[in-house]
N, C-alpha and C. Protein backbone atom coordinates (compact mmCIF):
# COMPACT_ATOMS: atom_id res chain seq x y z
N MET A 1 18.86 -1.34 0.07
CA MET A 1 17.81 -0.81 -0.77
C MET A 1 16.46 -1.20 -0.21
N HIS A 2 15.57 -0.29 -0.29
CA HIS A 2 14.20 -0.55 0.26
C HIS A 2 13.20 0.06 -0.76
N TYR A 3 12.01 -0.40 -0.71
CA TYR A 3 11.00 0.04 -1.67
C TYR A 3 9.62 0.35 -1.04
N LEU A 4 9.04 1.31 -1.58
CA LEU A 4 7.65 1.64 -1.31
C LEU A 4 6.88 1.04 -2.42
N TYR A 5 5.71 0.36 -2.09
CA TYR A 5 4.93 -0.25 -3.17
C TYR A 5 3.51 -0.02 -2.97
N ILE A 6 2.80 -0.03 -4.05
CA ILE A 6 1.27 0.07 -4.00
C ILE A 6 0.73 -1.15 -4.75
N LEU A 7 -0.12 -1.91 -4.08
CA LEU A 7 -0.79 -3.04 -4.66
C LEU A 7 -2.23 -2.71 -4.88
N TYR A 8 -2.85 -3.37 -5.91
CA TYR A 8 -4.26 -3.20 -6.15
C TYR A 8 -4.95 -4.53 -6.34
N SER A 9 -6.14 -4.73 -5.69
CA SER A 9 -6.94 -5.92 -5.85
C SER A 9 -8.23 -5.51 -6.62
N SER A 10 -8.43 -6.17 -7.72
CA SER A 10 -9.61 -5.92 -8.51
C SER A 10 -10.85 -6.66 -7.85
N ASN A 11 -10.62 -7.69 -7.14
CA ASN A 11 -11.70 -8.43 -6.45
C ASN A 11 -12.40 -7.53 -5.42
N VAL A 12 -11.60 -6.74 -4.67
CA VAL A 12 -12.27 -5.91 -3.67
C VAL A 12 -12.14 -4.42 -3.98
N ASP A 13 -11.55 -4.10 -5.17
CA ASP A 13 -11.38 -2.70 -5.62
C ASP A 13 -10.71 -1.80 -4.55
N LYS A 14 -9.61 -2.28 -4.09
CA LYS A 14 -8.85 -1.61 -2.98
C LYS A 14 -7.40 -1.56 -3.35
N PHE A 15 -6.74 -0.47 -2.79
CA PHE A 15 -5.30 -0.36 -2.85
C PHE A 15 -4.67 -0.67 -1.53
N TYR A 16 -3.42 -1.16 -1.52
CA TYR A 16 -2.66 -1.36 -0.37
C TYR A 16 -1.28 -0.74 -0.52
N ILE A 17 -0.90 0.03 0.48
CA ILE A 17 0.40 0.71 0.40
C ILE A 17 1.28 0.12 1.45
N GLY A 18 2.55 -0.18 1.06
CA GLY A 18 3.46 -0.80 1.97
C GLY A 18 4.91 -0.51 1.61
N GLU A 19 5.87 -1.05 2.45
CA GLU A 19 7.31 -0.95 2.18
C GLU A 19 7.87 -2.23 2.42
N SER A 20 8.99 -2.60 1.75
CA SER A 20 9.67 -3.80 1.88
C SER A 20 11.02 -3.81 1.17
N PRO A 21 11.97 -4.67 1.55
CA PRO A 21 13.18 -4.77 0.85
C PRO A 21 13.03 -5.63 -0.47
N ASP A 22 11.96 -6.42 -0.52
CA ASP A 22 11.70 -7.32 -1.66
C ASP A 22 10.19 -7.23 -1.99
N VAL A 23 9.79 -6.43 -2.89
CA VAL A 23 8.37 -6.27 -3.20
C VAL A 23 7.70 -7.55 -3.73
N PHE A 24 8.40 -8.28 -4.53
CA PHE A 24 7.78 -9.52 -5.15
C PHE A 24 7.54 -10.58 -4.15
N VAL A 25 8.45 -10.68 -3.19
CA VAL A 25 8.25 -11.70 -2.11
C VAL A 25 7.11 -11.19 -1.23
N ARG A 26 7.08 -9.88 -0.98
CA ARG A 26 5.97 -9.35 -0.13
C ARG A 26 4.67 -9.53 -0.76
N GLN A 27 4.55 -9.29 -2.12
CA GLN A 27 3.27 -9.44 -2.81
C GLN A 27 2.87 -10.91 -2.66
N ASN A 28 3.72 -11.84 -2.86
CA ASN A 28 3.38 -13.25 -2.69
C ASN A 28 2.91 -13.59 -1.26
N LEU A 29 3.54 -13.06 -0.27
CA LEU A 29 3.08 -13.28 1.06
C LEU A 29 1.69 -12.69 1.31
N HIS A 30 1.37 -11.53 0.77
CA HIS A 30 0.03 -10.93 0.88
C HIS A 30 -0.97 -11.84 0.22
N ASN A 31 -0.68 -12.27 -1.00
CA ASN A 31 -1.65 -13.08 -1.78
C ASN A 31 -1.86 -14.46 -1.13
N ASN A 32 -0.98 -14.92 -0.36
CA ASN A 32 -1.09 -16.22 0.33
C ASN A 32 -1.51 -16.05 1.84
N HIS A 33 -1.96 -14.82 2.17
CA HIS A 33 -2.48 -14.47 3.54
C HIS A 33 -1.49 -14.82 4.60
N HIS A 34 -0.25 -14.58 4.43
CA HIS A 34 0.78 -14.83 5.40
C HIS A 34 0.59 -13.91 6.67
N PHE A 35 0.20 -12.62 6.39
CA PHE A 35 0.03 -11.65 7.45
C PHE A 35 -1.46 -11.74 7.90
N LYS A 36 -1.77 -12.42 8.98
CA LYS A 36 -3.12 -12.76 9.39
C LYS A 36 -3.89 -11.48 9.90
N ASN A 37 -3.20 -10.43 10.42
CA ASN A 37 -3.84 -9.30 10.89
C ASN A 37 -3.76 -8.05 9.94
N ALA A 38 -3.18 -8.23 8.79
CA ALA A 38 -2.96 -7.21 7.80
C ALA A 38 -4.26 -6.85 7.04
N HIS A 39 -4.32 -5.58 6.65
CA HIS A 39 -5.40 -5.11 5.79
C HIS A 39 -5.44 -5.89 4.52
N ALA A 40 -4.30 -6.38 4.04
CA ALA A 40 -4.22 -7.11 2.77
C ALA A 40 -4.79 -8.44 2.79
N LYS A 41 -5.16 -8.95 3.97
CA LYS A 41 -5.77 -10.33 3.98
C LYS A 41 -7.14 -10.37 3.31
N ILE A 42 -7.77 -9.23 2.96
CA ILE A 42 -9.11 -9.21 2.36
C ILE A 42 -9.10 -9.73 0.96
N ALA A 43 -7.87 -9.90 0.32
CA ALA A 43 -7.88 -10.36 -1.05
C ALA A 43 -6.75 -11.30 -1.26
N ASP A 44 -6.78 -11.96 -2.40
CA ASP A 44 -5.65 -12.82 -2.81
C ASP A 44 -5.27 -12.60 -4.25
N ASP A 45 -5.60 -11.47 -4.79
CA ASP A 45 -5.28 -11.12 -6.21
C ASP A 45 -4.51 -9.82 -6.27
N TRP A 46 -3.72 -9.50 -5.28
CA TRP A 46 -2.96 -8.28 -5.22
C TRP A 46 -1.98 -8.22 -6.50
N GLU A 47 -2.03 -7.02 -7.22
CA GLU A 47 -1.13 -6.83 -8.28
C GLU A 47 -0.34 -5.57 -8.01
N ILE A 48 0.94 -5.59 -8.41
CA ILE A 48 1.77 -4.39 -8.22
C ILE A 48 1.38 -3.32 -9.14
N GLN A 49 1.10 -2.10 -8.57
CA GLN A 49 0.78 -0.98 -9.40
C GLN A 49 1.98 0.04 -9.42
N LEU A 50 2.73 0.06 -8.34
CA LEU A 50 3.86 1.04 -8.31
C LEU A 50 4.96 0.45 -7.44
N ILE A 51 6.19 0.70 -7.80
CA ILE A 51 7.31 0.36 -7.04
C ILE A 51 8.26 1.63 -7.10
N PHE A 52 8.55 2.14 -5.87
CA PHE A 52 9.45 3.31 -5.76
C PHE A 52 10.70 2.94 -4.96
N LYS A 53 11.82 3.08 -5.52
CA LYS A 53 13.12 2.70 -4.88
C LYS A 53 13.51 3.79 -3.89
N CYS A 54 13.88 3.39 -2.70
CA CYS A 54 14.34 4.34 -1.69
C CYS A 54 15.79 3.85 -1.21
N GLU A 55 16.60 4.79 -0.85
CA GLU A 55 17.97 4.36 -0.41
C GLU A 55 17.87 3.74 0.96
N GLN A 56 17.03 4.19 1.85
CA GLN A 56 16.95 3.69 3.18
C GLN A 56 15.49 3.33 3.55
N ARG A 57 15.38 2.42 4.54
CA ARG A 57 14.05 1.94 4.96
C ARG A 57 13.28 3.12 5.53
N GLY A 58 13.93 4.01 6.27
CA GLY A 58 13.27 5.21 6.81
C GLY A 58 12.65 6.07 5.79
N ASP A 59 13.22 6.19 4.58
CA ASP A 59 12.62 7.03 3.54
C ASP A 59 11.40 6.30 2.99
N ALA A 60 11.42 5.00 2.84
CA ALA A 60 10.20 4.26 2.38
C ALA A 60 9.06 4.37 3.35
N ILE A 61 9.38 4.21 4.68
CA ILE A 61 8.37 4.40 5.76
C ILE A 61 7.76 5.77 5.71
N TYR A 62 8.63 6.81 5.58
CA TYR A 62 8.17 8.21 5.49
C TYR A 62 7.20 8.39 4.36
N LEU A 63 7.52 7.90 3.19
CA LEU A 63 6.68 8.00 2.03
C LEU A 63 5.36 7.27 2.19
N GLU A 64 5.47 6.06 2.75
CA GLU A 64 4.27 5.23 3.02
C GLU A 64 3.28 6.02 3.90
N LYS A 65 3.75 6.55 5.05
CA LYS A 65 2.90 7.30 5.94
C LYS A 65 2.33 8.53 5.31
N PHE A 66 3.18 9.24 4.53
CA PHE A 66 2.74 10.42 3.83
C PHE A 66 1.57 10.10 2.85
N ILE A 67 1.75 9.06 2.02
CA ILE A 67 0.67 8.66 1.14
C ILE A 67 -0.64 8.24 1.84
N LYS A 68 -0.48 7.53 2.95
CA LYS A 68 -1.66 7.15 3.71
C LYS A 68 -2.34 8.34 4.33
N ARG A 69 -1.53 9.32 4.77
CA ARG A 69 -2.16 10.56 5.35
C ARG A 69 -2.92 11.31 4.32
N ILE A 70 -2.34 11.46 3.12
CA ILE A 70 -3.02 12.14 2.04
C ILE A 70 -4.32 11.39 1.65
N LYS A 71 -4.22 10.08 1.60
CA LYS A 71 -5.43 9.27 1.32
C LYS A 71 -6.57 9.51 2.32
N ILE A 72 -6.19 9.56 3.53
CA ILE A 72 -7.19 9.75 4.60
C ILE A 72 -7.79 11.15 4.53
N LEU A 73 -6.93 12.19 4.30
CA LEU A 73 -7.37 13.55 4.19
C LEU A 73 -8.28 13.72 3.01
N THR A 74 -7.99 13.06 1.91
CA THR A 74 -8.77 13.16 0.64
C THR A 74 -10.17 12.58 0.90
N LYS A 75 -10.23 11.37 1.57
CA LYS A 75 -11.50 10.76 1.88
C LYS A 75 -12.35 11.68 2.85
N PHE A 76 -11.65 12.26 3.84
CA PHE A 76 -12.33 13.13 4.80
C PHE A 76 -12.86 14.35 4.21
N SER A 77 -12.09 15.02 3.37
CA SER A 77 -12.54 16.28 2.76
C SER A 77 -13.61 15.99 1.68
N THR A 78 -13.53 14.87 0.99
CA THR A 78 -14.59 14.51 0.06
C THR A 78 -15.86 14.26 0.78
N SER A 79 -15.85 13.61 1.94
CA SER A 79 -17.05 13.34 2.65
C SER A 79 -17.72 14.67 3.26
N LEU A 80 -16.88 15.64 3.39
CA LEU A 80 -17.43 16.94 3.79
C LEU A 80 -17.94 17.79 2.65
N GLY A 81 -17.70 17.32 1.39
CA GLY A 81 -18.15 18.01 0.27
C GLY A 81 -17.09 18.88 -0.40
N PHE A 82 -15.86 18.85 0.07
CA PHE A 82 -14.75 19.50 -0.57
C PHE A 82 -14.25 18.72 -1.81
N VAL A 83 -13.79 19.45 -2.80
CA VAL A 83 -13.24 18.78 -3.99
C VAL A 83 -11.73 18.91 -3.88
N CYS A 84 -11.01 17.76 -3.97
CA CYS A 84 -9.55 17.78 -3.92
C CYS A 84 -8.96 17.63 -5.26
């Protein structure tokens, strides 16, 4: 079993999207800055906003990339004046 998760930090008002076989362990690692080069190192108050169960890791990775793509497209089209 694998999971897609979305974390939120109120300190920096940012979301983080990731995948893991154990979301609670991964959240703890993010909050303790275990991943030195990760985007999540900007905060230490990450809270779980969403957990989505996937049968396989590949499914979780696909969803993670899909959500990140949508997020980027939304920011880009908003900056051009389009309403999404």
